[in-house]
Amino acid sequence: MDVMPLLLLIAGSAAVAALARRTPVPAPLLLVAAGLVAAYVPGVPDYTLDPHIVLPLVLPPLLHTAALESSYLDLRANWRPVALLSVGYVLFATLAVGFLAQLAIPDLPLTAALVLGAVVAPPDAVAATAIARRLGLPGRITTILQGESLVNDATAITAYKVAVAAAVGAGATWAGGAEEFAVAALGGIGVGLVLMVPLHWLRLRLRTSPLLENTLSLLIPFVAYAAAEQFGASGVLAVVVVGLHLGHRSWQVDFETRLQEAAVWRMVSFLLESAVFALIGLQLPVVLRGLGEFSGAQAAGYAGLVFVAVVVARFVWVFPATYLPRLSARIREREPDVTVAAPLVVGWAGMRGVVSLAIAFSVPATVHDGGPFPARNLVLFLTFTTVIATLVVQGLTLPPLIHALKLTGRDARAQTLAEAQAQNEASRAAEERLDALLADDRNTLPGPLEDRLRTVMEHRRNAVWERLGTVNEVTGESADETYRRLAGEMIDAERRVFVRLRDTRRIDDEMLRTLLRRLDLEEAAAYREEQG
């Protein structure tokens, strides 16, 4: 097996993603553009997107990471709009795009058109999360987009299976389709519920071994996905349920595990997200090679039609789904007021991605009687153009739209004030606990060590409040920021001494690693406070 193409893909996509951080262009768009260009560079190998790799090996870790970082409580509070988008909209888009394509494209059977509709229906989890994170959208909109992207793949994959069964002549019916959807959804949720408790219990049993616990963490999304698919259920929903539970309970694991796990999943997500967007662009030669029966003008016309249908269908669904439920007084009391800006942004934030392409590549080549699948190459081409068009057109115009609508994220000052109040309560509880412990003769400490415990606690209590205070007129820093900068300089000075002692053989490498890890943890704590 030649691993060089894979290494080139990972290294090249990571380099482009790193470059994107220095530009105003979102990383997904730059990666797709780089893939499109690289596809025709001499010497670049052909990359064919294999659905047997993307769906079971790439999708689970991406969904797991998104679920870990999502808020179970926020999703539960917004379950209605999330469900309307992740289930209702996907099914509506499948039918709307399918019927329109069947009317507009000569000799395209309705079953094949519905396959196309199911393939392009789900907005992409990676694109939605990446762009929402970059733009700092308001909390509720971000929650809704993330929640939609976590679940909609399961809806689309199930709708696709039903449509394909009808297209190949496997005797699919509407009743059978509804039954398959129910089995996939309830089964996936059920498998997730069954697995989440023992997996969390196992994580807690391994809390003294962060290395083993993080090895388990890397295996969890694949185990959940494979277990659900084994029973004919939705692996996507199983991964999401398990990820939400583990993220909600992450405070119970060891601090060292949390530090390692956050770093590991950040790296995995960065590499996978970069690679999948680059792969989208690299599919262009593969897609174009199969378009022999259609002229360029025909294919371009159909591509424009499907793109417009996808965009319009989302708005047709989003606005009624936003405002019609609010006719209920109970919903109006429970949920905040909605301006036209929110559904406008949610409607425009419908970028498609690698899951749509992976599903399209899995369309069978033949039907039940051995004949070719109708317009398979066209379905693949239209999926590709829809993904590219939504990423480029909507991805590039979404930031200006948000700025024009004056949609801002959470109030930074209000967030800092809430953080300070929470820290004050926690510090008070810590102080009471320390006093109770020190009253026991078994916990007697020398005065300097007791003072150190109280000083560290007091610093945590004051650090957030100081972010609300005045800034240094010379440097523009708050007192807390200056404190952290000076602490960083001191830690760096200590680090250089430790290295010099190792180089002169006064300490060995094992001791150096121990001392550096202690400094790293202190620096990591200061950095996390600053980022908060």
Protein backbone atom coordinates (compact mmCIF):
# COMPACT_ATOMS: atom_id res chain seq x y z
CA MET A 1 0.00 0.00 0.00
CA ASP A 2 1.40 3.38 -1.05
CA VAL A 3 1.07 5.75 1.90
CA MET A 4 2.75 8.69 0.17
CA PRO A 5 -0.53 10.12 -1.30
CA LEU A 6 -2.09 10.02 2.17
CA LEU A 7 0.90 11.76 3.72
CA LEU A 8 0.86 14.39 0.97
CA LEU A 9 -2.85 15.00 1.55
CA ILE A 10 -2.46 15.41 5.31
CA ALA A 11 0.66 17.57 5.11
CA GLY A 12 -0.67 19.75 2.28
CA SER A 13 -4.10 20.31 3.83
CA ALA A 14 -2.56 21.10 7.23
CA ALA A 15 -0.25 23.66 5.61
CA VAL A 16 -3.15 25.35 3.78
CA ALA A 17 -5.27 25.38 6.95
CA ALA A 18 -2.41 27.00 8.84
CA LEU A 19 -2.09 29.59 6.07
CA ALA A 20 -5.82 30.31 6.30
CA ARG A 21 -5.35 31.54 9.87
CA ARG A 22 -3.35 34.46 8.48
CA THR A 23 -6.07 35.44 5.98
CA PRO A 24 -9.67 36.64 6.36
CA VAL A 25 -10.85 33.67 4.25
CA PRO A 26 -12.37 30.82 6.30
CA ALA A 27 -10.18 27.71 6.24
CA PRO A 28 -12.81 25.44 4.59
CA LEU A 29 -13.02 27.73 1.55
CA LEU A 30 -9.26 28.05 1.13
CA LEU A 31 -8.85 24.28 1.44
CA VAL A 32 -11.49 23.59 -1.20
CA ALA A 33 -9.88 26.13 -3.54
CA ALA A 34 -6.45 24.59 -2.96
CA GLY A 35 -7.89 21.15 -3.71
CA LEU A 36 -9.43 22.38 -6.96
CA VAL A 37 -6.10 23.83 -8.07
CA ALA A 38 -4.03 20.87 -6.91
CA ALA A 39 -6.27 18.44 -8.79
CA TYR A 40 -4.71 19.64 -12.07
CA VAL A 41 -1.12 20.08 -10.91
CA PRO A 42 1.11 17.55 -12.71
CA GLY A 43 2.32 14.82 -10.40
CA VAL A 44 -0.49 15.13 -7.86
CA PRO A 45 -2.03 11.65 -7.46
CA ASP A 46 -5.74 10.99 -8.02
CA TYR A 47 -7.77 11.01 -4.83
CA THR A 48 -11.06 9.14 -5.09
CA LEU A 49 -13.33 9.71 -2.10
CA ASP A 50 -14.22 6.26 -0.73
CA PRO A 51 -17.54 6.25 1.20
CA HIS A 52 -16.43 3.06 2.99
CA ILE A 53 -13.65 5.15 4.58
CA VAL A 54 -15.36 8.52 5.06
CA LEU A 55 -18.59 7.33 6.68
CA PRO A 56 -17.22 4.83 9.26
CA LEU A 57 -13.72 6.25 9.80
CA VAL A 58 -13.87 10.03 9.26
CA LEU A 59 -17.43 10.99 10.21
CA PRO A 60 -17.50 9.41 13.74
CA PRO A 61 -14.50 11.30 15.20
CA LEU A 62 -15.70 14.61 13.71
CA LEU A 63 -19.18 14.12 15.16
CA HIS A 64 -17.75 12.95 18.48
CA THR A 65 -15.58 16.05 18.78
CA ALA A 66 -18.52 18.34 17.95
CA ALA A 67 -20.70 16.50 20.49
CA LEU A 68 -18.05 16.76 23.23
CA GLU A 69 -17.87 20.53 22.69
CA SER A 70 -21.65 20.98 22.50
CA SER A 71 -23.86 21.76 25.46
CA TYR A 72 -26.38 19.07 26.32
CA LEU A 73 -28.36 21.58 28.36
CA ASP A 74 -28.45 24.14 25.53
CA LEU A 75 -29.48 21.48 23.01
CA ARG A 76 -32.23 20.27 25.32
CA ALA A 77 -33.45 23.84 25.72
CA ASN A 78 -33.54 24.25 21.91
CA TRP A 79 -34.70 20.76 20.95
CA ARG A 80 -37.66 22.02 18.89
CA PRO A 81 -35.76 24.19 16.36
CA VAL A 82 -32.97 21.60 16.24
CA ALA A 83 -35.44 18.80 15.45
CA LEU A 84 -37.28 20.90 12.88
CA LEU A 85 -34.01 21.52 11.02
CA SER A 86 -32.23 18.19 11.47
CA VAL A 87 -35.24 16.02 10.65
CA GLY A 88 -38.02 18.13 9.16
CA TYR A 89 -35.87 20.27 6.89
CA VAL A 90 -33.78 17.36 5.60
CA LEU A 91 -36.89 15.40 4.60
CA PHE A 92 -38.47 18.53 3.08
CA ALA A 93 -35.32 19.33 1.10
CA THR A 94 -35.10 15.73 -0.12
CA LEU A 95 -38.61 15.93 -1.56
CA ALA A 96 -38.38 19.53 -2.83
CA VAL A 97 -35.06 19.07 -4.66
CA GLY A 98 -36.07 15.63 -5.87
CA PHE A 99 -39.38 16.67 -7.43
CA LEU A 100 -37.87 19.80 -8.99
CA ALA A 101 -34.96 17.83 -10.47
CA GLN A 102 -37.35 15.24 -11.89
CA LEU A 103 -39.37 17.99 -13.58
CA ALA A 104 -36.35 19.87 -14.94
CA ILE A 105 -34.08 17.03 -16.11
CA PRO A 106 -35.45 14.99 -19.04
CA ASP A 107 -35.71 11.21 -18.53
CA LEU A 108 -34.62 11.41 -14.88
CA PRO A 109 -36.77 8.96 -12.88
CA LEU A 110 -38.37 10.27 -9.70
CA THR A 111 -36.58 7.63 -7.62
CA ALA A 112 -33.16 8.77 -8.89
CA ALA A 113 -34.16 12.40 -8.37
CA LEU A 114 -35.07 11.63 -4.76
CA VAL A 115 -31.65 10.00 -4.32
CA LEU A 116 -30.13 13.32 -5.45
CA GLY A 117 -32.41 15.20 -3.04
CA ALA A 118 -31.38 13.03 -0.09
CA VAL A 119 -27.70 13.37 -0.95
CA VAL A 120 -27.66 17.19 -1.05
CA ALA A 121 -30.16 17.71 1.79
CA PRO A 122 -27.93 17.78 4.91
CA PRO A 123 -25.80 20.84 5.72
CA ASP A 124 -22.32 19.80 6.75
CA ALA A 125 -21.36 19.39 10.41
CA VAL A 126 -17.76 20.43 9.86
CA ALA A 127 -18.55 23.53 7.79
CA ALA A 128 -21.28 24.76 10.14
CA THR A 129 -19.16 24.30 13.26
CA ALA A 130 -16.01 25.80 11.72
CA ILE A 131 -17.71 28.93 10.39
CA ALA A 132 -19.88 29.47 13.50
CA ARG A 133 -16.75 29.20 15.64
CA ARG A 134 -14.86 31.65 13.42
CA LEU A 135 -17.66 34.24 13.31
CA GLY A 136 -18.63 34.17 16.98
CA LEU A 137 -22.37 33.91 16.32
CA PRO A 138 -24.88 34.48 19.14
CA GLY A 139 -25.09 31.51 21.48
CA ARG A 140 -28.59 30.32 20.53
CA ILE A 141 -27.92 30.43 16.78
CA THR A 142 -24.65 28.54 17.25
CA THR A 143 -26.42 25.91 19.37
CA ILE A 144 -29.13 25.44 16.75
CA LEU A 145 -26.64 25.12 13.87
CA GLN A 146 -24.43 22.72 15.81
CA GLY A 147 -27.40 20.66 16.95
CA GLU A 148 -28.73 20.45 13.41
CA SER A 149 -25.37 19.35 12.04
CA LEU A 150 -25.04 16.64 14.69
CA VAL A 151 -28.29 14.89 13.77
CA ASN A 152 -29.11 15.71 10.15
CA ASP A 153 -26.62 13.24 8.68
CA ALA A 154 -28.58 10.38 10.24
CA THR A 155 -31.80 11.65 8.64
CA ALA A 156 -30.16 12.09 5.23
CA ILE A 157 -28.44 8.70 5.23
CA THR A 158 -31.70 6.94 6.12
CA ALA A 159 -33.65 8.88 3.47
CA TYR A 160 -30.91 8.02 0.97
CA LYS A 161 -31.14 4.29 1.74
CA VAL A 162 -34.91 4.32 1.18
CA ALA A 163 -34.58 6.27 -2.08
CA VAL A 164 -31.82 3.98 -3.38
CA ALA A 165 -33.86 0.89 -2.56
CA ALA A 166 -36.72 2.30 -4.62
CA ALA A 167 -34.38 3.34 -7.46
CA VAL A 168 -32.72 -0.08 -7.82
CA GLY A 169 -36.08 -1.88 -7.68
CA ALA A 170 -35.79 -3.43 -4.23
CA GLY A 171 -39.49 -2.93 -3.55
CA ALA A 172 -39.28 0.02 -1.15
CA THR A 173 -42.55 1.62 -0.05
CA TRP A 174 -43.47 4.76 1.87
CA ALA A 175 -44.54 2.62 4.84
CA GLY A 176 -41.31 0.65 4.67
CA GLY A 177 -39.33 3.87 4.45
CA ALA A 178 -41.03 5.28 7.54
CA GLU A 179 -40.37 2.04 9.39
CA GLU A 180 -36.69 2.05 8.40
CA PHE A 181 -36.37 5.66 9.50
CA ALA A 182 -37.92 4.88 12.89
CA VAL A 183 -35.70 1.84 13.39
CA ALA A 184 -32.57 3.79 12.46
CA ALA A 185 -33.41 6.78 14.67
CA LEU A 186 -34.71 4.95 17.74
CA GLY A 187 -32.09 2.23 17.37
CA GLY A 188 -29.23 4.72 17.13
CA ILE A 189 -30.43 6.64 20.17
CA GLY A 190 -30.98 3.36 22.02
CA VAL A 191 -27.47 2.07 21.29
CA GLY A 192 -26.04 5.40 22.41
CA LEU A 193 -28.02 5.28 25.67
CA VAL A 194 -26.90 1.71 26.33
CA LEU A 195 -23.22 2.47 25.68
CA MET A 196 -22.84 5.88 27.30
CA VAL A 197 -23.09 4.78 30.95
CA PRO A 198 -20.64 1.82 30.85
CA LEU A 199 -18.20 3.81 28.71
CA HIS A 200 -18.23 6.67 31.22
CA TRP A 201 -17.89 4.17 34.08
CA LEU A 202 -14.86 2.65 32.35
CA ARG A 203 -13.34 6.12 31.89
CA LEU A 204 -13.69 6.75 35.62
CA ARG A 205 -12.08 3.40 36.45
CA LEU A 206 -9.10 4.36 34.29
CA ARG A 207 -8.73 7.84 35.79
CA THR A 208 -5.36 6.92 37.33
CA SER A 209 -4.01 6.18 33.85
CA PRO A 210 -4.58 9.14 31.50
CA LEU A 211 -2.78 7.33 28.67
CA LEU A 212 -5.22 4.40 28.76
CA GLU A 213 -8.19 6.71 29.23
CA ASN A 214 -7.30 8.77 26.16
CA THR A 215 -6.73 5.60 24.15
CA LEU A 216 -10.28 4.63 25.09
CA SER A 217 -11.44 8.12 24.15
CA LEU A 218 -10.05 7.69 20.64
CA LEU A 219 -11.85 4.35 20.22
CA ILE A 220 -15.24 5.43 21.58
CA PRO A 221 -16.73 7.07 18.43
CA PHE A 222 -15.76 4.10 16.25
CA VAL A 223 -17.16 1.60 18.76
CA ALA A 224 -20.45 3.49 19.04
CA TYR A 225 -20.80 3.88 15.26
CA ALA A 226 -19.95 0.24 14.49
CA ALA A 227 -22.20 -1.13 17.24
CA ALA A 228 -25.22 0.81 15.99
CA GLU A 229 -24.62 -0.04 12.33
CA GLN A 230 -24.30 -3.72 13.29
CA PHE A 231 -27.94 -3.63 14.42
CA GLY A 232 -29.13 -1.66 11.40
CA ALA A 233 -29.43 1.51 13.50
CA SER A 234 -27.97 4.97 12.96
CA GLY A 235 -24.31 5.05 13.89
CA VAL A 236 -24.41 8.85 13.66
CA LEU A 237 -27.01 9.16 16.41
CA ALA A 238 -25.20 6.63 18.61
CA VAL A 239 -21.97 8.65 18.35
CA VAL A 240 -23.79 11.90 19.13
CA VAL A 241 -25.63 10.52 22.18
CA VAL A 242 -22.45 9.04 23.64
CA GLY A 243 -20.43 12.20 22.91
CA LEU A 244 -23.01 14.50 24.52
CA HIS A 245 -23.10 12.36 27.67
CA LEU A 246 -19.32 12.13 27.99
CA GLY A 247 -18.93 15.87 27.36
CA HIS A 248 -21.59 16.65 29.98
CA ARG A 249 -19.77 14.44 32.52
CA SER A 250 -16.20 15.37 31.57
CA TRP A 251 -15.71 17.21 34.87
CA GLN A 252 -15.63 13.84 36.64
CA VAL A 253 -12.44 12.59 34.97
CA ASP A 254 -8.90 13.35 36.06
CA PHE A 255 -7.48 16.80 35.22
CA GLU A 256 -4.51 15.25 33.40
CA THR A 257 -6.87 13.26 31.21
CA ARG A 258 -8.87 16.37 30.34
CA LEU A 259 -5.72 18.24 29.33
CA GLN A 260 -4.51 15.38 27.15
CA GLU A 261 -7.94 14.67 25.71
CA ALA A 262 -8.50 18.28 24.70
CA ALA A 263 -5.12 18.40 22.96
CA VAL A 264 -5.60 15.04 21.23
CA TRP A 265 -9.07 15.80 19.88
CA ARG A 266 -8.02 19.29 18.78
CA MET A 267 -5.27 17.74 16.70
CA VAL A 268 -7.51 14.98 15.30
CA SER A 269 -10.22 17.49 14.36
CA PHE A 270 -7.74 19.86 12.76
CA LEU A 271 -6.23 17.14 10.57
CA LEU A 272 -9.54 15.54 9.59
CA GLU A 273 -11.33 18.83 8.90
CA SER A 274 -8.41 20.04 6.79
CA ALA A 275 -8.19 16.77 4.86
CA VAL A 276 -11.90 16.44 4.10
CA PHE A 277 -12.23 19.96 2.68
CA ALA A 278 -9.13 19.47 0.55
CA LEU A 279 -10.60 16.15 -0.63
CA ILE A 280 -13.72 17.95 -1.84
CA GLY A 281 -11.71 20.05 -4.24
CA LEU A 282 -9.58 17.10 -5.34
CA GLN A 283 -12.69 15.24 -6.56
CA LEU A 284 -13.14 17.53 -9.58
CA PRO A 285 -11.32 15.33 -12.16
CA VAL A 286 -13.11 12.20 -10.92
CA VAL A 287 -16.50 13.89 -11.24
CA LEU A 288 -15.88 15.43 -14.67
CA ARG A 289 -14.63 12.16 -16.18
CA GLY A 290 -18.06 10.60 -15.77
CA LEU A 291 -20.06 13.35 -17.47
CA GLY A 292 -19.70 12.10 -21.04
CA GLU A 293 -23.41 11.86 -21.85
CA PHE A 294 -24.15 15.48 -20.85
CA SER A 295 -22.82 18.62 -22.50
CA GLY A 296 -21.08 21.25 -20.41
CA ALA A 297 -23.91 23.74 -20.89
CA GLN A 298 -26.55 21.18 -19.83
CA ALA A 299 -24.64 20.11 -16.76
CA ALA A 300 -23.95 23.73 -15.74
CA GLY A 301 -27.63 24.61 -16.12
CA TYR A 302 -28.73 21.68 -13.99
CA ALA A 303 -26.08 22.56 -11.40
CA GLY A 304 -27.37 26.13 -11.11
CA LEU A 305 -30.94 24.88 -10.80
CA VAL A 306 -30.13 22.42 -8.00
CA PHE A 307 -28.08 25.03 -6.12
CA VAL A 308 -30.94 27.54 -6.26
CA ALA A 309 -33.41 24.83 -5.21
CA VAL A 310 -31.27 23.89 -2.19
CA VAL A 311 -30.94 27.51 -1.06
CA VAL A 312 -34.60 28.43 -1.62
CA ALA A 313 -35.88 25.24 0.02
CA ARG A 314 -33.98 26.08 3.18
CA PHE A 315 -35.52 29.54 3.44
CA VAL A 316 -38.97 28.16 2.61
CA TRP A 317 -38.59 25.81 5.58
CA VAL A 318 -36.70 28.00 8.07
CA PHE A 319 -39.01 31.03 8.21
CA PRO A 320 -42.29 29.14 8.81
CA ALA A 321 -40.50 26.76 11.19
CA THR A 322 -39.29 29.81 13.15
CA TYR A 323 -42.49 31.82 13.36
CA LEU A 324 -45.42 29.36 13.15
CA PRO A 325 -44.60 27.61 16.47
CA ARG A 326 -44.51 31.04 18.11
CA LEU A 327 -48.24 31.34 17.58
CA SER A 328 -48.37 29.30 20.78
CA ALA A 329 -48.32 31.54 23.87
CA ARG A 330 -46.48 28.83 25.77
CA ILE A 331 -43.59 28.82 23.30
CA ARG A 332 -43.46 32.64 23.26
CA GLU A 333 -43.12 32.67 27.05
CA ARG A 334 -40.45 29.96 27.10
CA GLU A 335 -38.24 31.15 24.24
CA PRO A 336 -36.65 34.56 23.59
CA ASP A 337 -37.99 36.94 20.97
CA VAL A 338 -36.76 36.26 17.44
CA THR A 339 -35.88 39.01 14.99
CA VAL A 340 -35.73 38.45 11.25
CA ALA A 341 -31.93 38.38 11.46
CA ALA A 342 -31.79 34.98 13.20
CA PRO A 343 -33.74 32.91 10.62
CA LEU A 344 -32.00 34.83 7.84
CA VAL A 345 -28.58 33.73 9.11
CA VAL A 346 -29.74 30.18 9.85
CA GLY A 347 -31.25 29.98 6.37
CA TRP A 348 -28.08 31.19 4.68
CA ALA A 349 -25.76 29.01 6.81
CA GLY A 350 -26.57 25.85 4.86
CA MET A 351 -23.18 24.85 3.47
CA ARG A 352 -22.90 21.28 2.22
CA GLY A 353 -19.76 19.19 2.65
CA VAL A 354 -17.97 15.90 2.52
CA VAL A 355 -20.84 13.75 3.83
CA SER A 356 -22.95 14.62 0.80
CA LEU A 357 -20.09 13.68 -1.51
CA ALA A 358 -19.42 10.44 0.37
CA ILE A 359 -23.06 9.43 0.07
CA ALA A 360 -23.08 10.33 -3.63
CA PHE A 361 -20.03 8.15 -4.30
CA SER A 362 -21.84 5.23 -2.63
CA VAL A 363 -24.72 5.33 -5.16
CA PRO A 364 -24.70 1.83 -6.76
CA ALA A 365 -23.54 1.50 -10.36
CA THR A 366 -26.39 -0.85 -11.34
CA VAL A 367 -30.03 -1.44 -10.52
CA HIS A 368 -31.78 -4.69 -9.57
CA ASP A 369 -32.03 -6.07 -13.13
CA GLY A 370 -28.35 -5.38 -13.90
CA GLY A 371 -28.88 -2.16 -15.86
CA PRO A 372 -26.99 1.05 -15.07
CA PHE A 373 -28.24 3.28 -12.28
CA PRO A 374 -30.08 6.14 -14.02
CA ALA A 375 -27.99 9.32 -14.33
CA ARG A 376 -25.55 8.21 -11.61
CA ASN A 377 -22.76 10.39 -13.03
CA LEU A 378 -25.06 13.40 -13.17
CA VAL A 379 -26.09 12.85 -9.53
CA LEU A 380 -22.41 12.80 -8.57
CA PHE A 381 -21.68 15.96 -10.59
CA LEU A 382 -24.65 17.87 -9.18
CA THR A 383 -23.68 16.91 -5.65
CA PHE A 384 -20.14 18.15 -6.24
CA THR A 385 -21.27 21.47 -7.73
CA THR A 386 -23.81 22.00 -4.93
CA VAL A 387 -21.16 21.41 -2.27
CA ILE A 388 -18.71 23.77 -3.95
CA ALA A 389 -21.33 26.45 -4.65
CA THR A 390 -22.70 26.48 -1.09
CA LEU A 391 -19.23 26.57 0.44
CA VAL A 392 -18.04 29.37 -1.82
CA VAL A 393 -21.17 31.50 -2.27
CA GLN A 394 -22.67 31.12 1.20
CA GLY A 395 -19.35 30.69 3.01
CA LEU A 396 -17.91 33.92 1.57
CA THR A 397 -21.06 36.02 2.01
CA LEU A 398 -22.08 34.78 5.47
CA PRO A 399 -19.58 36.97 7.41
CA PRO A 400 -20.65 40.21 5.62
CA LEU A 401 -24.30 39.24 6.16
CA ILE A 402 -23.74 38.80 9.88
CA HIS A 403 -21.93 42.14 10.12
CA ALA A 404 -24.66 43.88 8.10
CA LEU A 405 -27.34 42.47 10.41
CA LYS A 406 -25.28 43.58 13.42
CA LEU A 407 -25.48 40.12 14.93
CA THR A 408 -22.92 39.90 17.70
CA GLY A 409 -21.88 37.07 19.92
CA ARG A 410 -22.26 36.94 23.65
CA ASP A 411 -21.62 40.15 25.58
CA ALA A 412 -17.98 39.77 26.63
CA ARG A 413 -18.37 42.00 29.68
CA ALA A 414 -21.50 40.18 30.84
CA GLN A 415 -19.74 36.82 30.34
CA THR A 416 -16.74 38.02 32.36
CA LEU A 417 -19.01 39.28 35.13
CA ALA A 418 -20.83 35.94 35.29
CA GLU A 419 -17.49 34.13 35.34
CA ALA A 420 -16.26 36.37 38.17
CA GLN A 421 -19.38 35.76 40.24
CA ALA A 422 -19.11 32.00 39.72
CA GLN A 423 -15.41 32.04 40.65
CA ASN A 424 -16.21 34.09 43.77
CA GLU A 425 -18.73 31.49 44.96
CA ALA A 426 -16.33 28.64 44.21
CA SER A 427 -13.46 30.37 46.01
CA ARG A 428 -15.65 30.94 49.06
CA ALA A 429 -16.49 27.21 49.14
CA ALA A 430 -12.80 26.33 48.72
CA GLU A 431 -11.84 28.64 51.57
CA GLU A 432 -14.43 27.07 53.88
CA ARG A 433 -13.19 23.60 52.92
CA LEU A 434 -9.57 24.59 53.58
CA ASP A 435 -10.46 25.99 57.02
CA ALA A 436 -12.26 22.77 57.90
CA LEU A 437 -9.35 20.62 56.75
CA LEU A 438 -6.73 22.68 58.60
CA ALA A 439 -8.72 22.39 61.81
CA ASP A 440 -7.81 18.68 61.79
CA ASP A 441 -4.37 17.98 63.27
CA ARG A 442 -3.72 15.41 60.53
CA ASN A 443 -3.66 18.24 57.98
CA THR A 444 -1.25 20.58 59.77
CA LEU A 445 0.93 22.54 57.36
CA PRO A 446 3.89 24.89 57.87
CA GLY A 447 2.84 28.53 57.70
CA PRO A 448 4.42 29.28 54.28
CA LEU A 449 2.62 26.35 52.62
CA GLU A 450 -0.71 27.33 54.16
CA ASP A 451 -0.18 30.90 52.96
CA ARG A 452 0.60 29.60 49.49
CA LEU A 453 -2.69 27.70 49.31
CA ARG A 454 -4.58 30.83 50.34
CA THR A 455 -2.60 33.02 47.92
CA VAL A 456 -3.34 30.76 44.94
CA MET A 457 -7.01 30.69 45.88
CA GLU A 458 -7.10 34.47 46.24
CA HIS A 459 -5.45 34.92 42.86
CA ARG A 460 -8.12 32.77 41.20
CA ARG A 461 -10.80 34.81 42.94
CA ASN A 462 -9.34 38.18 41.86
CA ALA A 463 -8.09 37.29 38.39
CA VAL A 464 -11.47 37.48 36.64
CA TRP A 465 -12.56 40.63 38.48
CA GLU A 466 -9.38 42.35 37.38
CA ARG A 467 -10.31 41.75 33.72
CA LEU A 468 -13.21 44.13 34.35
CA GLY A 469 -10.97 46.82 35.78
CA THR A 470 -8.90 49.59 34.24
CA VAL A 471 -6.03 48.97 31.86
CA ASN A 472 -2.42 50.09 31.95
CA GLU A 473 -2.16 53.34 29.97
CA VAL A 474 1.24 52.35 28.56
CA THR A 475 0.68 48.70 27.61
CA GLY A 476 -3.11 48.51 27.39
CA GLU A 477 -3.03 45.48 29.71
CA SER A 478 -5.15 44.87 32.78
CA ALA A 479 -3.32 44.14 36.04
CA ASP A 480 -4.19 40.48 35.64
CA GLU A 481 -2.79 40.36 32.10
CA THR A 482 0.44 41.98 33.27
CA TYR A 483 0.62 39.47 36.11
CA ARG A 484 0.27 36.54 33.69
CA ARG A 485 2.86 38.00 31.29
CA LEU A 486 5.38 38.43 34.07
CA ALA A 487 4.60 34.95 35.40
CA GLY A 488 5.24 33.60 31.90
CA GLU A 489 8.61 35.37 31.76
CA MET A 490 9.54 33.90 35.14
CA ILE A 491 8.52 30.40 34.07
CA ASP A 492 10.56 30.78 30.88
CA ALA A 493 13.59 31.82 32.93
CA GLU A 494 13.18 28.71 35.12
CA ARG A 495 12.82 26.55 32.04
CA ARG A 496 16.11 27.82 30.58
CA VAL A 497 17.91 27.07 33.85
CA PHE A 498 16.57 23.50 33.91
CA VAL A 499 17.75 22.94 30.34
CA ARG A 500 21.21 24.36 31.18
CA LEU A 501 21.47 22.06 34.19
CA ARG A 502 20.57 19.10 31.98
CA ASP A 503 23.13 20.13 29.33
CA THR A 504 25.86 20.33 31.99
CA ARG A 505 24.76 16.87 33.30
CA ARG A 506 23.80 18.18 36.75
CA ILE A 507 20.34 16.65 36.24
CA ASP A 508 19.29 13.87 33.84
CA ASP A 509 16.64 13.97 31.12
CA GLU A 510 14.04 12.18 33.21
CA MET A 511 14.27 14.83 35.92
CA LEU A 512 14.18 17.55 33.25
CA ARG A 513 10.91 16.17 31.87
CA THR A 514 9.41 16.09 35.38
CA LEU A 515 10.41 19.68 36.08
CA LEU A 516 9.27 20.93 32.67
CA ARG A 517 5.89 19.22 33.02
CA ARG A 518 5.34 21.03 36.32
CA LEU A 519 6.09 24.36 34.62
CA ASP A 520 3.94 23.42 31.61
CA LEU A 521 0.93 22.80 33.84
CA GLU A 522 1.40 26.18 35.54
CA GLU A 523 1.74 27.92 32.18
CA ALA A 524 -1.29 26.03 30.79
CA ALA A 525 -3.38 27.19 33.76
CA ALA A 526 -2.36 30.82 33.16
CA TYR A 527 -3.06 30.52 29.43
CA ARG A 528 -6.53 29.04 30.01
CA GLU A 529 -7.38 31.91 32.39
CA GLU A 530 -6.29 34.42 29.75
CA GLN A 531 -8.38 32.73 27.04
CA GLY A 532 -11.42 32.71 29.28
